[in-house]
Amino acid sequence: MHESWIACLITLEGPLCWPPMAVGRVEYQVERVRLGPHLSRNAVRQLLTDHAEYGGWELARLRRYRDGTRDAWIRRKIIRVRSSQS
């Protein structure tokens, strides 16, 4: 049933899943990262930089809430390999 869903996050309320994001002809894998209020701005920057450098992720959206928590949506391109056999 979840073959078309790419990113899933397990929470206390249950799994949250997102379909692949398509921009033009490019498809992206999307993940939501929840960051606690105890993390400094530099710690968040370093965490997202590491994701970008070593995992190929880019920041799609960052949202900060009144309680200090942050949600970061990161994405990376999905590369589909076509079969060369007829």
C-alpha atoms as a PDB file:
ATOM      1  CA  MET A   1       0.000   0.000   0.000  1.00  0.00           C
ATOM      2  CA  HIS A   2       2.831   2.457   0.778  1.00  0.00           C
ATOM      3  CA  GLU A   3       4.917   1.787  -2.358  1.00  0.00           C
ATOM      4  CA  SER A   4       4.294   5.321  -3.636  1.00  0.00           C
ATOM      5  CA  TRP A   5       5.286   6.920  -0.321  1.00  0.00           C
ATOM      6  CA  ILE A   6       8.929   7.868  -0.060  1.00  0.00           C
ATOM      7  CA  ALA A   7       9.600   9.427   3.350  1.00  0.00           C
ATOM      8  CA  CYS A   8       8.166   8.197   6.636  1.00  0.00           C
ATOM      9  CA  LEU A   9       8.733   9.466  10.154  1.00  0.00           C
ATOM     10  CA  ILE A  10       7.724   7.333  13.131  1.00  0.00           C
ATOM     11  CA  THR A  11       6.137   9.401  15.903  1.00  0.00           C
ATOM     12  CA  LEU A  12       4.269   8.575  19.102  1.00  0.00           C
ATOM     13  CA  GLU A  13       1.001   9.213  17.259  1.00  0.00           C
ATOM     14  CA  GLY A  14       1.967   6.855  14.422  1.00  0.00           C
ATOM     15  CA  PRO A  15       3.878   7.068  11.151  1.00  0.00           C
ATOM     16  CA  LEU A  16       3.810  10.257   9.098  1.00  0.00           C
ATOM     17  CA  CYS A  17       4.539   9.749   5.398  1.00  0.00           C
ATOM     18  CA  TRP A  18       5.012  12.113   2.503  1.00  0.00           C
ATOM     19  CA  PRO A  19       4.679  11.343  -1.184  1.00  0.00           C
ATOM     20  CA  PRO A  20       7.567  12.203  -3.471  1.00  0.00           C
ATOM     21  CA  MET A  21       7.735  15.906  -4.281  1.00  0.00           C
ATOM     22  CA  ALA A  22       7.816  16.686  -7.996  1.00  0.00           C
ATOM     23  CA  VAL A  23       9.134  19.976  -9.318  1.00  0.00           C
ATOM     24  CA  GLY A  24       8.959  20.019 -13.078  1.00  0.00           C
ATOM     25  CA  ARG A  25      10.342  16.670 -14.232  1.00  0.00           C
ATOM     26  CA  VAL A  26      12.541  16.217 -11.145  1.00  0.00           C
ATOM     27  CA  GLU A  27      11.355  14.050  -8.248  1.00  0.00           C
ATOM     28  CA  TYR A  28      12.593  14.569  -4.707  1.00  0.00           C
ATOM     29  CA  GLN A  29      12.709  12.411  -1.598  1.00  0.00           C
ATOM     30  CA  VAL A  30      11.506  14.551   1.320  1.00  0.00           C
ATOM     31  CA  GLU A  31      12.143  14.119   5.040  1.00  0.00           C
ATOM     32  CA  ARG A  32      10.960  16.157   7.975  1.00  0.00           C
ATOM     33  CA  VAL A  33      13.471  16.658  10.770  1.00  0.00           C
ATOM     34  CA  ARG A  34      12.146  17.809  14.157  1.00  0.00           C
ATOM     35  CA  LEU A  35      14.708  19.794  16.148  1.00  0.00           C
ATOM     36  CA  GLY A  36      14.244  20.505  19.848  1.00  0.00           C
ATOM     37  CA  PRO A  37      14.426  23.897  21.559  1.00  0.00           C
ATOM     38  CA  HIS A  38      17.630  22.903  23.371  1.00  0.00           C
ATOM     39  CA  LEU A  39      19.637  23.081  20.116  1.00  0.00           C
ATOM     40  CA  SER A  40      21.421  26.347  19.407  1.00  0.00           C
ATOM     41  CA  ARG A  41      21.267  28.069  16.058  1.00  0.00           C
ATOM     42  CA  ASN A  42      24.850  26.965  15.318  1.00  0.00           C
ATOM     43  CA  ALA A  43      24.056  23.348  16.233  1.00  0.00           C
ATOM     44  CA  VAL A  44      21.085  23.347  13.833  1.00  0.00           C
ATOM     45  CA  ARG A  45      23.246  24.896  11.114  1.00  0.00           C
ATOM     46  CA  GLN A  46      25.938  22.251  11.627  1.00  0.00           C
ATOM     47  CA  LEU A  47      23.401  19.388  11.585  1.00  0.00           C
ATOM     48  CA  LEU A  48      21.814  20.602   8.344  1.00  0.00           C
ATOM     49  CA  THR A  49      25.234  21.243   6.798  1.00  0.00           C
ATOM     50  CA  ASP A  50      26.292  17.669   7.590  1.00  0.00           C
ATOM     51  CA  HIS A  51      23.084  16.307   6.018  1.00  0.00           C
ATOM     52  CA  ALA A  52      23.752  18.378   2.909  1.00  0.00           C
ATOM     53  CA  GLU A  53      27.434  17.503   2.618  1.00  0.00           C
ATOM     54  CA  TYR A  54      27.339  13.787   3.373  1.00  0.00           C
ATOM     55  CA  GLY A  55      23.803  12.797   2.397  1.00  0.00           C
ATOM     56  CA  GLY A  56      23.129  14.975  -0.623  1.00  0.00           C
ATOM     57  CA  TRP A  57      20.213  16.755   1.067  1.00  0.00           C
ATOM     58  CA  GLU A  58      19.157  20.365   0.554  1.00  0.00           C
ATOM     59  CA  LEU A  59      16.976  22.497   2.788  1.00  0.00           C
ATOM     60  CA  ALA A  60      13.458  22.882   1.385  1.00  0.00           C
ATOM     61  CA  ARG A  61      11.849  24.659   4.348  1.00  0.00           C
ATOM     62  CA  LEU A  62      12.638  25.609   7.926  1.00  0.00           C
ATOM     63  CA  ARG A  63       9.961  26.573  10.415  1.00  0.00           C
ATOM     64  CA  ARG A  64      10.456  27.737  14.002  1.00  0.00           C
ATOM     65  CA  TYR A  65       7.650  27.569  16.542  1.00  0.00           C
ATOM     66  CA  ARG A  66       6.977  29.704  19.610  1.00  0.00           C
ATOM     67  CA  ASP A  67       8.176  26.998  21.985  1.00  0.00           C
ATOM     68  CA  GLY A  68      11.586  27.019  20.262  1.00  0.00           C
ATOM     69  CA  THR A  69      11.243  23.760  18.332  1.00  0.00           C
ATOM     70  CA  ARG A  70      12.028  23.726  14.634  1.00  0.00           C
ATOM     71  CA  ASP A  71      10.822  21.635  11.719  1.00  0.00           C
ATOM     72  CA  ALA A  72      13.176  21.338   8.794  1.00  0.00           C
ATOM     73  CA  TRP A  73      12.054  19.774   5.544  1.00  0.00           C
ATOM     74  CA  ILE A  74      15.026  18.491   3.582  1.00  0.00           C
ATOM     75  CA  ARG A  75      14.987  16.981   0.124  1.00  0.00           C
ATOM     76  CA  ARG A  76      17.245  15.213  -2.355  1.00  0.00           C
ATOM     77  CA  LYS A  77      16.774  14.224  -5.958  1.00  0.00           C
ATOM     78  CA  ILE A  78      15.518  10.756  -6.793  1.00  0.00           C
ATOM     79  CA  ILE A  79      17.573   9.319  -9.623  1.00  0.00           C
ATOM     80  CA  ARG A  80      15.677   6.722 -11.611  1.00  0.00           C
ATOM     81  CA  VAL A  81      17.743   4.239 -13.603  1.00  0.00           C
ATOM     82  CA  ARG A  82      16.141   3.035 -16.793  1.00  0.00           C
ATOM     83  CA  SER A  83      16.795  -0.448 -17.992  1.00  0.00           C
ATOM     84  CA  SER A  84      18.981  -0.569 -21.092  1.00  0.00           C
ATOM     85  CA  GLN A  85      17.516  -3.927 -22.135  1.00  0.00           C
ATOM     86  CA  SER A  86      14.707  -3.975 -24.684  1.00  0.00           C
END
